[in-house]
Amino acid sequence: MLDDDILKCIHHLNLSTLLLSQKMLEKDKVMAMYRLGIDEETADILSSLNTSQMLVLSETNQLTFQLRFENAEMMKKLTEDSRISDIKQMHTGILLSSLLLDSINK
């Protein structure tokens, strides 16, 4: 990919993520805060952004949201083969929830 193509993809991803986040917050604020890993103040600000503000935020050369995996070991554990595949989704949710709690308590 060319640099311009990558930047366009970043812009689209940022805008899509912001739009999805607003939609999630509108539908169920508490669940959206949990799934997005954000606090109430951030949720309120995100909910109140208008279209031009979201465009300004999205048109940066960096992702506006970050992966919640803290290190490579965590990703390895969550993606390795398991005998019980049904538990993987629950385990990932628990791990991400604990990361959110840790960040709130800091």
PDB file of N, CA and C in Angstrom:
ATOM      1  N   MET A   1       0.826  -1.196   0.000  1.00  0.00           N
ATOM      2  CA  MET A   1       0.000   0.000   0.000  1.00  0.00           C
ATOM      3  C   MET A   1       0.865   1.252   0.000  1.00  0.00           C
ATOM      4  N   LEU A   2       0.424   2.237  -0.688  1.00  0.00           N
ATOM      5  CA  LEU A   2       1.108   3.520  -0.664  1.00  0.00           C
ATOM      6  C   LEU A   2       0.784   4.253   0.623  1.00  0.00           C
ATOM      7  N   ASP A   3       1.633   5.181   0.988  1.00  0.00           N
ATOM      8  CA  ASP A   3       1.397   5.956   2.210  1.00  0.00           C
ATOM      9  C   ASP A   3       0.043   6.654   2.182  1.00  0.00           C
ATOM     10  N   ASP A   4      -0.328   7.203   1.032  1.00  0.00           N
ATOM     11  CA  ASP A   4      -1.623   7.873   0.915  1.00  0.00           C
ATOM     12  C   ASP A   4      -2.773   6.901   1.150  1.00  0.00           C
ATOM     13  N   ASP A   5      -2.629   5.681   0.627  1.00  0.00           N
ATOM     14  CA  ASP A   5      -3.664   4.665   0.838  1.00  0.00           C
ATOM     15  C   ASP A   5      -3.777   4.289   2.310  1.00  0.00           C
ATOM     16  N   ILE A   6      -2.655   4.179   2.971  1.00  0.00           N
ATOM     17  CA  ILE A   6      -2.661   3.841   4.396  1.00  0.00           C
ATOM     18  C   ILE A   6      -3.318   4.966   5.190  1.00  0.00           C
ATOM     19  N   LEU A   7      -2.974   6.197   4.876  1.00  0.00           N
ATOM     20  CA  LEU A   7      -3.582   7.334   5.575  1.00  0.00           C
ATOM     21  C   LEU A   7      -5.093   7.378   5.359  1.00  0.00           C
ATOM     22  N   LYS A   8      -5.541   7.109   4.146  1.00  0.00           N
ATOM     23  CA  LYS A   8      -6.978   7.076   3.862  1.00  0.00           C
ATOM     24  C   LYS A   8      -7.652   5.982   4.685  1.00  0.00           C
ATOM     25  N   CYS A   9      -7.015   4.830   4.776  1.00  0.00           N
ATOM     26  CA  CYS A   9      -7.571   3.725   5.574  1.00  0.00           C
ATOM     27  C   CYS A   9      -7.646   4.096   7.045  1.00  0.00           C
ATOM     28  N   ILE A  10      -6.624   4.765   7.550  1.00  0.00           N
ATOM     29  CA  ILE A  10      -6.628   5.214   8.947  1.00  0.00           C
ATOM     30  C   ILE A  10      -7.773   6.201   9.165  1.00  0.00           C
ATOM     31  N   HIS A  11      -7.944   7.139   8.257  1.00  0.00           N
ATOM     32  CA  HIS A  11      -9.028   8.123   8.377  1.00  0.00           C
ATOM     33  C   HIS A  11     -10.390   7.435   8.385  1.00  0.00           C
ATOM     34  N   HIS A  12     -10.577   6.480   7.472  1.00  0.00           N
ATOM     35  CA  HIS A  12     -11.850   5.755   7.400  1.00  0.00           C
ATOM     36  C   HIS A  12     -12.090   4.936   8.658  1.00  0.00           C
ATOM     37  N   LEU A  13     -11.038   4.267   9.122  1.00  0.00           N
ATOM     38  CA  LEU A  13     -11.168   3.467  10.337  1.00  0.00           C
ATOM     39  C   LEU A  13     -11.502   4.346  11.539  1.00  0.00           C
ATOM     40  N   ASN A  14     -10.826   5.476  11.658  1.00  0.00           N
ATOM     41  CA  ASN A  14     -11.107   6.400  12.759  1.00  0.00           C
ATOM     42  C   ASN A  14     -12.549   6.880  12.726  1.00  0.00           C
ATOM     43  N   LEU A  15     -13.010   7.314  11.562  1.00  0.00           N
ATOM     44  CA  LEU A  15     -14.377   7.821  11.454  1.00  0.00           C
ATOM     45  C   LEU A  15     -15.390   6.709  11.723  1.00  0.00           C
ATOM     46  N   SER A  16     -15.139   5.536  11.171  1.00  0.00           N
ATOM     47  CA  SER A  16     -16.048   4.407  11.410  1.00  0.00           C
ATOM     48  C   SER A  16     -16.127   4.054  12.883  1.00  0.00           C
ATOM     49  N   THR A  17     -14.979   4.070  13.551  1.00  0.00           N
ATOM     50  CA  THR A  17     -14.943   3.746  14.971  1.00  0.00           C
ATOM     51  C   THR A  17     -15.682   4.796  15.790  1.00  0.00           C
ATOM     52  N   LEU A  18     -15.512   6.046  15.452  1.00  0.00           N
ATOM     53  CA  LEU A  18     -16.218   7.116  16.163  1.00  0.00           C
ATOM     54  C   LEU A  18     -17.731   7.015  15.953  1.00  0.00           C
ATOM     55  N   LEU A  19     -18.147   6.757  14.714  1.00  0.00           N
ATOM     56  CA  LEU A  19     -19.578   6.612  14.423  1.00  0.00           C
ATOM     57  C   LEU A  19     -20.173   5.405  15.145  1.00  0.00           C
ATOM     58  N   LEU A  20     -19.456   4.282  15.103  1.00  0.00           N
ATOM     59  CA  LEU A  20     -19.920   3.082  15.799  1.00  0.00           C
ATOM     60  C   LEU A  20     -20.002   3.331  17.302  1.00  0.00           C
ATOM     61  N   SER A  21     -19.010   4.003  17.847  1.00  0.00           N
ATOM     62  CA  SER A  21     -18.998   4.297  19.285  1.00  0.00           C
ATOM     63  C   SER A  21     -20.196   5.137  19.680  1.00  0.00           C
ATOM     64  N   GLN A  22     -20.502   6.147  18.889  1.00  0.00           N
ATOM     65  CA  GLN A  22     -21.673   6.981  19.181  1.00  0.00           C
ATOM     66  C   GLN A  22     -22.957   6.164  19.125  1.00  0.00           C
ATOM     67  N   LYS A  23     -23.060   5.302  18.131  1.00  0.00           N
ATOM     68  CA  LYS A  23     -24.259   4.465  17.996  1.00  0.00           C
ATOM     69  C   LYS A  23     -24.393   3.524  19.196  1.00  0.00           C
ATOM     70  N   MET A  24     -23.271   2.940  19.619  1.00  0.00           N
ATOM     71  CA  MET A  24     -23.294   2.048  20.778  1.00  0.00           C
ATOM     72  C   MET A  24     -23.714   2.801  22.035  1.00  0.00           C
ATOM     73  N   LEU A  25     -23.173   3.998  22.220  1.00  0.00           N
ATOM     74  CA  LEU A  25     -23.494   4.803  23.402  1.00  0.00           C
ATOM     75  C   LEU A  25     -24.955   5.223  23.408  1.00  0.00           C
ATOM     76  N   GLU A  26     -25.490   5.500  22.242  1.00  0.00           N
ATOM     77  CA  GLU A  26     -26.895   5.881  22.135  1.00  0.00           C
ATOM     78  C   GLU A  26     -27.818   4.713  22.513  1.00  0.00           C
ATOM     79  N   LYS A  27     -27.418   3.520  22.114  1.00  0.00           N
ATOM     80  CA  LYS A  27     -28.254   2.342  22.364  1.00  0.00           C
ATOM     81  C   LYS A  27     -28.196   1.882  23.819  1.00  0.00           C
ATOM     82  N   ASP A  28     -26.993   1.779  24.376  1.00  0.00           N
ATOM     83  CA  ASP A  28     -26.821   1.295  25.746  1.00  0.00           C
ATOM     84  C   ASP A  28     -25.503   1.850  26.289  1.00  0.00           C
ATOM     85  N   LYS A  29     -25.589   2.952  26.984  1.00  0.00           N
ATOM     86  CA  LYS A  29     -24.398   3.680  27.424  1.00  0.00           C
ATOM     87  C   LYS A  29     -23.478   2.828  28.302  1.00  0.00           C
ATOM     88  N   VAL A  30     -24.032   2.146  29.270  1.00  0.00           N
ATOM     89  CA  VAL A  30     -23.204   1.362  30.202  1.00  0.00           C
ATOM     90  C   VAL A  30     -22.475   0.240  29.471  1.00  0.00           C
ATOM     91  N   MET A  31     -23.190  -0.493  28.627  1.00  0.00           N
ATOM     92  CA  MET A  31     -22.560  -1.584  27.884  1.00  0.00           C
ATOM     93  C   MET A  31     -21.521  -1.037  26.900  1.00  0.00           C
ATOM     94  N   ALA A  32     -21.822   0.092  26.281  1.00  0.00           N
ATOM     95  CA  ALA A  32     -20.869   0.697  25.350  1.00  0.00           C
ATOM     96  C   ALA A  32     -19.598   1.127  26.074  1.00  0.00           C
ATOM     97  N   MET A  33     -19.752   1.720  27.250  1.00  0.00           N
ATOM     98  CA  MET A  33     -18.579   2.123  28.025  1.00  0.00           C
ATOM     99  C   MET A  33     -17.716   0.910  28.348  1.00  0.00           C
ATOM    100  N   TYR A  34     -18.353  -0.177  28.704  1.00  0.00           N
ATOM    101  CA  TYR A  34     -17.639  -1.421  29.010  1.00  0.00           C
ATOM    102  C   TYR A  34     -16.914  -1.935  27.766  1.00  0.00           C
ATOM    103  N   ARG A  35     -17.627  -2.015  26.654  1.00  0.00           N
ATOM    104  CA  ARG A  35     -17.036  -2.571  25.431  1.00  0.00           C
ATOM    105  C   ARG A  35     -15.951  -1.675  24.848  1.00  0.00           C
ATOM    106  N   LEU A  36     -16.110  -0.375  24.987  1.00  0.00           N
ATOM    107  CA  LEU A  36     -15.114   0.557  24.458  1.00  0.00           C
ATOM    108  C   LEU A  36     -13.950   0.778  25.426  1.00  0.00           C
ATOM    109  N   GLY A  37     -14.149   0.429  26.695  1.00  0.00           N
ATOM    110  CA  GLY A  37     -13.098   0.625  27.692  1.00  0.00           C
ATOM    111  C   GLY A  37     -12.905   2.090  28.037  1.00  0.00           C
ATOM    112  N   ILE A  38     -14.021   2.835  28.125  1.00  0.00           N
ATOM    113  CA  ILE A  38     -13.932   4.264  28.413  1.00  0.00           C
ATOM    114  C   ILE A  38     -14.734   4.607  29.663  1.00  0.00           C
ATOM    115  N   ASP A  39     -14.411   5.737  30.265  1.00  0.00           N
ATOM    116  CA  ASP A  39     -15.137   6.180  31.443  1.00  0.00           C
ATOM    117  C   ASP A  39     -16.345   7.022  31.024  1.00  0.00           C
ATOM    118  N   GLU A  40     -17.145   7.420  32.004  1.00  0.00           N
ATOM    119  CA  GLU A  40     -18.388   8.125  31.712  1.00  0.00           C
ATOM    120  C   GLU A  40     -18.139   9.503  31.098  1.00  0.00           C
ATOM    121  N   GLU A  41     -17.126  10.201  31.581  1.00  0.00           N
ATOM    122  CA  GLU A  41     -16.834  11.525  31.030  1.00  0.00           C
ATOM    123  C   GLU A  41     -16.454  11.439  29.552  1.00  0.00           C
ATOM    124  N   THR A  42     -15.622  10.468  29.223  1.00  0.00           N
ATOM    125  CA  THR A  42     -15.240  10.262  27.830  1.00  0.00           C
ATOM    126  C   THR A  42     -16.454   9.870  26.993  1.00  0.00           C
ATOM    127  N   ALA A  43     -17.308   9.021  27.553  1.00  0.00           N
ATOM    128  CA  ALA A  43     -18.530   8.615  26.850  1.00  0.00           C
ATOM    129  C   ALA A  43     -19.420   9.816  26.560  1.00  0.00           C
ATOM    130  N   ASP A  44     -19.550  10.704  27.523  1.00  0.00           N
ATOM    131  CA  ASP A  44     -20.384  11.896  27.330  1.00  0.00           C
ATOM    132  C   ASP A  44     -19.815  12.809  26.245  1.00  0.00           C
ATOM    133  N   ILE A  45     -18.520  12.984  26.260  1.00  0.00           N
ATOM    134  CA  ILE A  45     -17.880  13.818  25.235  1.00  0.00           C
ATOM    135  C   ILE A  45     -18.053  13.184  23.861  1.00  0.00           C
ATOM    136  N   LEU A  46     -17.785  11.896  23.780  1.00  0.00           N
ATOM    137  CA  LEU A  46     -17.920  11.166  22.519  1.00  0.00           C
ATOM    138  C   LEU A  46     -19.347  11.234  21.984  1.00  0.00           C
ATOM    139  N   SER A  47     -20.316  11.112  22.866  1.00  0.00           N
ATOM    140  CA  SER A  47     -21.725  11.173  22.471  1.00  0.00           C
ATOM    141  C   SER A  47     -22.112  12.534  21.920  1.00  0.00           C
ATOM    142  N   SER A  48     -21.473  13.569  22.415  1.00  0.00           N
ATOM    143  CA  SER A  48     -21.866  14.927  22.037  1.00  0.00           C
ATOM    144  C   SER A  48     -21.135  15.474  20.816  1.00  0.00           C
ATOM    145  N   LEU A  49     -20.183  14.725  20.268  1.00  0.00           N
ATOM    146  CA  LEU A  49     -19.444  15.213  19.105  1.00  0.00           C
ATOM    147  C   LEU A  49     -20.364  15.352  17.899  1.00  0.00           C
ATOM    148  N   ASN A  50     -20.219  16.455  17.189  1.00  0.00           N
ATOM    149  CA  ASN A  50     -20.978  16.600  15.943  1.00  0.00           C
ATOM    150  C   ASN A  50     -20.137  16.073  14.782  1.00  0.00           C
ATOM    151  N   THR A  51     -20.709  16.064  13.602  1.00  0.00           N
ATOM    152  CA  THR A  51     -20.050  15.468  12.441  1.00  0.00           C
ATOM    153  C   THR A  51     -18.721  16.145  12.117  1.00  0.00           C
ATOM    154  N   SER A  52     -18.678  17.451  12.155  1.00  0.00           N
ATOM    155  CA  SER A  52     -17.419  18.127  11.818  1.00  0.00           C
ATOM    156  C   SER A  52     -16.333  17.851  12.859  1.00  0.00           C
ATOM    157  N   GLN A  53     -16.714  17.730  14.126  1.00  0.00           N
ATOM    158  CA  GLN A  53     -15.734  17.396  15.164  1.00  0.00           C
ATOM    159  C   GLN A  53     -15.195  15.982  14.955  1.00  0.00           C
ATOM    160  N   MET A  54     -16.075  15.064  14.570  1.00  0.00           N
ATOM    161  CA  MET A  54     -15.618  13.692  14.316  1.00  0.00           C
ATOM    162  C   MET A  54     -14.701  13.640  13.098  1.00  0.00           C
ATOM    163  N   LEU A  55     -14.999  14.433  12.080  1.00  0.00           N
ATOM    164  CA  LEU A  55     -14.128  14.474  10.903  1.00  0.00           C
ATOM    165  C   LEU A  55     -12.747  15.000  11.262  1.00  0.00           C
ATOM    166  N   VAL A  56     -12.700  16.042  12.087  1.00  0.00           N
ATOM    167  CA  VAL A  56     -11.411  16.589  12.523  1.00  0.00           C
ATOM    168  C   VAL A  56     -10.618  15.526  13.287  1.00  0.00           C
ATOM    169  N   LEU A  57     -11.276  14.840  14.208  1.00  0.00           N
ATOM    170  CA  LEU A  57     -10.596  13.781  14.975  1.00  0.00           C
ATOM    171  C   LEU A  57     -10.135  12.633  14.088  1.00  0.00           C
ATOM    172  N   SER A  58     -10.928  12.278  13.108  1.00  0.00           N
ATOM    173  CA  SER A  58     -10.618  11.111  12.288  1.00  0.00           C
ATOM    174  C   SER A  58      -9.502  11.372  11.283  1.00  0.00           C
ATOM    175  N   GLU A  59      -9.297  12.617  10.915  1.00  0.00           N
ATOM    176  CA  GLU A  59      -8.334  12.931   9.863  1.00  0.00           C
ATOM    177  C   GLU A  59      -6.930  13.178  10.401  1.00  0.00           C
ATOM    178  N   THR A  60      -6.529  12.357  11.315  1.00  0.00           N
ATOM    179  CA  THR A  60      -5.168  12.404  11.828  1.00  0.00           C
ATOM    180  C   THR A  60      -4.378  11.270  11.180  1.00  0.00           C
ATOM    181  N   ASN A  61      -3.080  11.280  11.325  1.00  0.00           N
ATOM    182  CA  ASN A  61      -2.273  10.215  10.723  1.00  0.00           C
ATOM    183  C   ASN A  61      -2.044   9.057  11.689  1.00  0.00           C
ATOM    184  N   GLN A  62      -2.792   9.052  12.796  1.00  0.00           N
ATOM    185  CA  GLN A  62      -2.693   7.970  13.775  1.00  0.00           C
ATOM    186  C   GLN A  62      -4.083   7.455  14.106  1.00  0.00           C
ATOM    187  N   LEU A  63      -4.150   6.235  14.597  1.00  0.00           N
ATOM    188  CA  LEU A  63      -5.430   5.685  15.021  1.00  0.00           C
ATOM    189  C   LEU A  63      -5.893   6.398  16.279  1.00  0.00           C
ATOM    190  N   THR A  64      -7.180   6.729  16.340  1.00  0.00           N
ATOM    191  CA  THR A  64      -7.705   7.417  17.514  1.00  0.00           C
ATOM    192  C   THR A  64      -8.031   6.448  18.638  1.00  0.00           C
ATOM    193  N   PHE A  65      -8.210   5.186  18.324  1.00  0.00           N
ATOM    194  CA  PHE A  65      -8.465   4.157  19.325  1.00  0.00           C
ATOM    195  C   PHE A  65      -7.291   3.198  19.300  1.00  0.00           C
ATOM    196  N   GLN A  66      -7.013   2.578  20.428  1.00  0.00           N
ATOM    197  CA  GLN A  66      -5.874   1.668  20.466  1.00  0.00           C
ATOM    198  C   GLN A  66      -6.303   0.267  20.867  1.00  0.00           C
ATOM    199  N   LEU A  67      -5.475  -0.693  20.494  1.00  0.00           N
ATOM    200  CA  LEU A  67      -5.723  -2.064  20.912  1.00  0.00           C
ATOM    201  C   LEU A  67      -5.614  -2.143  22.425  1.00  0.00           C
ATOM    202  N   ARG A  68      -6.438  -2.987  23.023  1.00  0.00           N
ATOM    203  CA  ARG A  68      -6.420  -3.083  24.480  1.00  0.00           C
ATOM    204  C   ARG A  68      -5.525  -4.206  24.971  1.00  0.00           C
ATOM    205  N   PHE A  69      -4.847  -4.880  24.072  1.00  0.00           N
ATOM    206  CA  PHE A  69      -3.894  -5.903  24.479  1.00  0.00           C
ATOM    207  C   PHE A  69      -2.602  -5.212  24.871  1.00  0.00           C
ATOM    208  N   GLU A  70      -2.133  -5.497  26.060  1.00  0.00           N
ATOM    209  CA  GLU A  70      -0.972  -4.789  26.584  1.00  0.00           C
ATOM    210  C   GLU A  70       0.360  -5.308  26.067  1.00  0.00           C
ATOM    211  N   ASN A  71       0.407  -6.583  25.673  1.00  0.00           N
ATOM    212  CA  ASN A  71       1.678  -7.137  25.243  1.00  0.00           C
ATOM    213  C   ASN A  71       1.471  -8.351  24.334  1.00  0.00           C
ATOM    214  N   ALA A  72       2.556  -8.790  23.741  1.00  0.00           N
ATOM    215  CA  ALA A  72       2.505  -9.911  22.800  1.00  0.00           C
ATOM    216  C   ALA A  72       2.079 -11.204  23.489  1.00  0.00           C
ATOM    217  N   GLU A  73       2.532 -11.403  24.711  1.00  0.00           N
ATOM    218  CA  GLU A  73       2.195 -12.635  25.438  1.00  0.00           C
ATOM    219  C   GLU A  73       0.686 -12.774  25.617  1.00  0.00           C
ATOM    220  N   MET A  74       0.028 -11.670  25.906  1.00  0.00           N
ATOM    221  CA  MET A  74      -1.425 -11.694  26.079  1.00  0.00           C
ATOM    222  C   MET A  74      -2.116 -12.110  24.775  1.00  0.00           C
ATOM    223  N   MET A  75      -1.658 -11.557  23.661  1.00  0.00           N
ATOM    224  CA  MET A  75      -2.247 -11.920  22.372  1.00  0.00           C
ATOM    225  C   MET A  75      -1.983 -13.382  22.035  1.00  0.00           C
ATOM    226  N   LYS A  76      -0.799 -13.857  22.345  1.00  0.00           N
ATOM    227  CA  LYS A  76      -0.475 -15.265  22.085  1.00  0.00           C
ATOM    228  C   LYS A  76      -1.417 -16.186  22.863  1.00  0.00           C
ATOM    229  N   LYS A  77      -1.607 -15.888  24.127  1.00  0.00           N
ATOM    230  CA  LYS A  77      -2.473 -16.723  24.967  1.00  0.00           C
ATOM    231  C   LYS A  77      -3.911 -16.743  24.461  1.00  0.00           C
ATOM    232  N   LEU A  78      -4.382 -15.601  24.009  1.00  0.00           N
ATOM    233  CA  LEU A  78      -5.774 -15.508  23.569  1.00  0.00           C
ATOM    234  C   LEU A  78      -6.008 -16.079  22.176  1.00  0.00           C
ATOM    235  N   THR A  79      -4.948 -16.291  21.406  1.00  0.00           N
ATOM    236  CA  THR A  79      -5.110 -16.797  20.047  1.00  0.00           C
ATOM    237  C   THR A  79      -4.612 -18.223  19.856  1.00  0.00           C
ATOM    238  N   GLU A  80      -4.020 -18.815  20.875  1.00  0.00           N
ATOM    239  CA  GLU A  80      -3.532 -20.191  20.717  1.00  0.00           C
ATOM    240  C   GLU A  80      -4.698 -21.174  20.735  1.00  0.00           C
ATOM    241  N   ASP A  81      -4.462 -22.319  20.127  1.00  0.00           N
ATOM    242  CA  ASP A  81      -5.494 -23.353  20.068  1.00  0.00           C
ATOM    243  C   ASP A  81      -5.883 -23.805  21.462  1.00  0.00           C
ATOM    244  N   SER A  82      -7.165 -24.101  21.603  1.00  0.00           N
ATOM    245  CA  SER A  82      -7.689 -24.527  22.890  1.00  0.00           C
ATOM    246  C   SER A  82      -8.616 -25.713  22.685  1.00  0.00           C
ATOM    247  N   ARG A  83      -8.690 -26.567  23.676  1.00  0.00           N
ATOM    248  CA  ARG A  83      -9.622 -27.703  23.607  1.00  0.00           C
ATOM    249  C   ARG A  83     -11.055 -27.233  23.723  1.00  0.00           C
ATOM    250  N   ILE A  84     -11.264 -26.142  24.396  1.00  0.00           N
ATOM    251  CA  ILE A  84     -12.622 -25.649  24.634  1.00  0.00           C
ATOM    252  C   ILE A  84     -12.749 -24.277  23.985  1.00  0.00           C
ATOM    253  N   SER A  85     -13.139 -24.261  22.709  1.00  0.00           N
ATOM    254  CA  SER A  85     -13.173 -23.003  21.960  1.00  0.00           C
ATOM    255  C   SER A  85     -14.269 -22.051  22.446  1.00  0.00           C
ATOM    256  N   ASP A  86     -15.332 -22.583  23.029  1.00  0.00           N
ATOM    257  CA  ASP A  86     -16.418 -21.724  23.508  1.00  0.00           C
ATOM    258  C   ASP A  86     -15.980 -20.801  24.640  1.00  0.00           C
ATOM    259  N   ILE A  87     -14.972 -21.206  25.365  1.00  0.00           N
ATOM    260  CA  ILE A  87     -14.518 -20.422  26.513  1.00  0.00           C
ATOM    261  C   ILE A  87     -13.614 -19.263  26.074  1.00  0.00           C
ATOM    262  N   LYS A  88     -13.044 -19.347  24.870  1.00  0.00           N
ATOM    263  CA  LYS A  88     -12.124 -18.309  24.413  1.00  0.00           C
ATOM    264  C   LYS A  88     -12.741 -16.917  24.430  1.00  0.00           C
ATOM    265  N   GLN A  89     -13.947 -16.790  23.906  1.00  0.00           N
ATOM    266  CA  GLN A  89     -14.593 -15.478  23.861  1.00  0.00           C
ATOM    267  C   GLN A  89     -14.823 -14.946  25.270  1.00  0.00           C
ATOM    268  N   MET A  90     -15.258 -15.819  26.167  1.00  0.00           N
ATOM    269  CA  MET A  90     -15.489 -15.410  27.547  1.00  0.00           C
ATOM    270  C   MET A  90     -14.161 -15.023  28.212  1.00  0.00           C
ATOM    271  N   HIS A  91     -13.120 -15.801  27.969  1.00  0.00           N
ATOM    272  CA  HIS A  91     -11.815 -15.514  28.550  1.00  0.00           C
ATOM    273  C   HIS A  91     -11.283 -14.171  28.059  1.00  0.00           C
ATOM    274  N   THR A  92     -11.453 -13.889  26.770  1.00  0.00           N
ATOM    275  CA  THR A  92     -11.021 -12.612  26.212  1.00  0.00           C
ATOM    276  C   THR A  92     -11.787 -11.467  26.868  1.00  0.00           C
ATOM    277  N   GLY A  93     -13.092 -11.632  27.032  1.00  0.00           N
ATOM    278  CA  GLY A  93     -13.912 -10.605  27.680  1.00  0.00           C
ATOM    279  C   GLY A  93     -13.478 -10.343  29.104  1.00  0.00           C
ATOM    280  N   ILE A  94     -13.182 -11.399  29.833  1.00  0.00           N
ATOM    281  CA  ILE A  94     -12.729 -11.263  31.221  1.00  0.00           C
ATOM    282  C   ILE A  94     -11.396 -10.528  31.274  1.00  0.00           C
ATOM    283  N   LEU A  95     -10.488 -10.902  30.391  1.00  0.00           N
ATOM    284  CA  LEU A  95      -9.173 -10.267  30.366  1.00  0.00           C
ATOM    285  C   LEU A  95      -9.290  -8.782  30.040  1.00  0.00           C
ATOM    286  N   LEU A  96     -10.079  -8.438  29.024  1.00  0.00           N
ATOM    287  CA  LEU A  96     -10.240  -7.034  28.653  1.00  0.00           C
ATOM    288  C   LEU A  96     -10.946  -6.259  29.760  1.00  0.00           C
ATOM    289  N   SER A  97     -11.889  -6.884  30.442  1.00  0.00           N
ATOM    290  CA  SER A  97     -12.559  -6.233  31.566  1.00  0.00           C
ATOM    291  C   SER A  97     -11.587  -5.947  32.694  1.00  0.00           C
ATOM    292  N   SER A  98     -10.716  -6.887  32.959  1.00  0.00           N
ATOM    293  CA  SER A  98      -9.741  -6.671  34.024  1.00  0.00           C
ATOM    294  C   SER A  98      -8.777  -5.554  33.653  1.00  0.00           C
ATOM    295  N   LEU A  99      -8.421  -5.433  32.376  1.00  0.00           N
ATOM    296  CA  LEU A  99      -7.574  -4.320  31.942  1.00  0.00           C
ATOM    297  C   LEU A  99      -8.278  -2.990  32.158  1.00  0.00           C
ATOM    298  N   LEU A 100      -9.578  -2.960  31.862  1.00  0.00           N
ATOM    299  CA  LEU A 100     -10.353  -1.739  32.066  1.00  0.00           C
ATOM    300  C   LEU A 100     -10.385  -1.369  33.539  1.00  0.00           C
ATOM    301  N   LEU A 101     -10.628  -2.336  34.401  1.00  0.00           N
ATOM    302  CA  LEU A 101     -10.651  -2.077  35.840  1.00  0.00           C
ATOM    303  C   LEU A 101      -9.300  -1.584  36.341  1.00  0.00           C
ATOM    304  N   ASP A 102      -8.229  -2.200  35.835  1.00  0.00           N
ATOM    305  CA  ASP A 102      -6.890  -1.768  36.228  1.00  0.00           C
ATOM    306  C   ASP A 102      -6.630  -0.315  35.825  1.00  0.00           C
ATOM    307  N   SER A 103      -7.079   0.060  34.623  1.00  0.00           N
ATOM    308  CA  SER A 103      -6.838   1.424  34.147  1.00  0.00           C
ATOM    309  C   SER A 103      -7.671   2.433  34.940  1.00  0.00           C
ATOM    310  N   ILE A 104      -8.860   2.048  35.372  1.00  0.00           N
ATOM    311  CA  ILE A 104      -9.710   2.934  36.167  1.00  0.00           C
ATOM    312  C   ILE A 104      -9.123   3.136  37.551  1.00  0.00           C
ATOM    313  N   ASN A 105      -8.547   2.088  38.117  1.00  0.00           N
ATOM    314  CA  ASN A 105      -7.995   2.152  39.471  1.00  0.00           C
ATOM    315  C   ASN A 105      -6.652   2.883  39.549  1.00  0.00           C
ATOM    316  N   LYS A 106      -6.031   3.188  38.415  1.00  0.00           N
ATOM    317  CA  LYS A 106      -4.729   3.862  38.426  1.00  0.00           C
ATOM    318  C   LYS A 106      -4.864   5.318  38.710  1.00  0.00           C
TER     319      LYS A 106
END
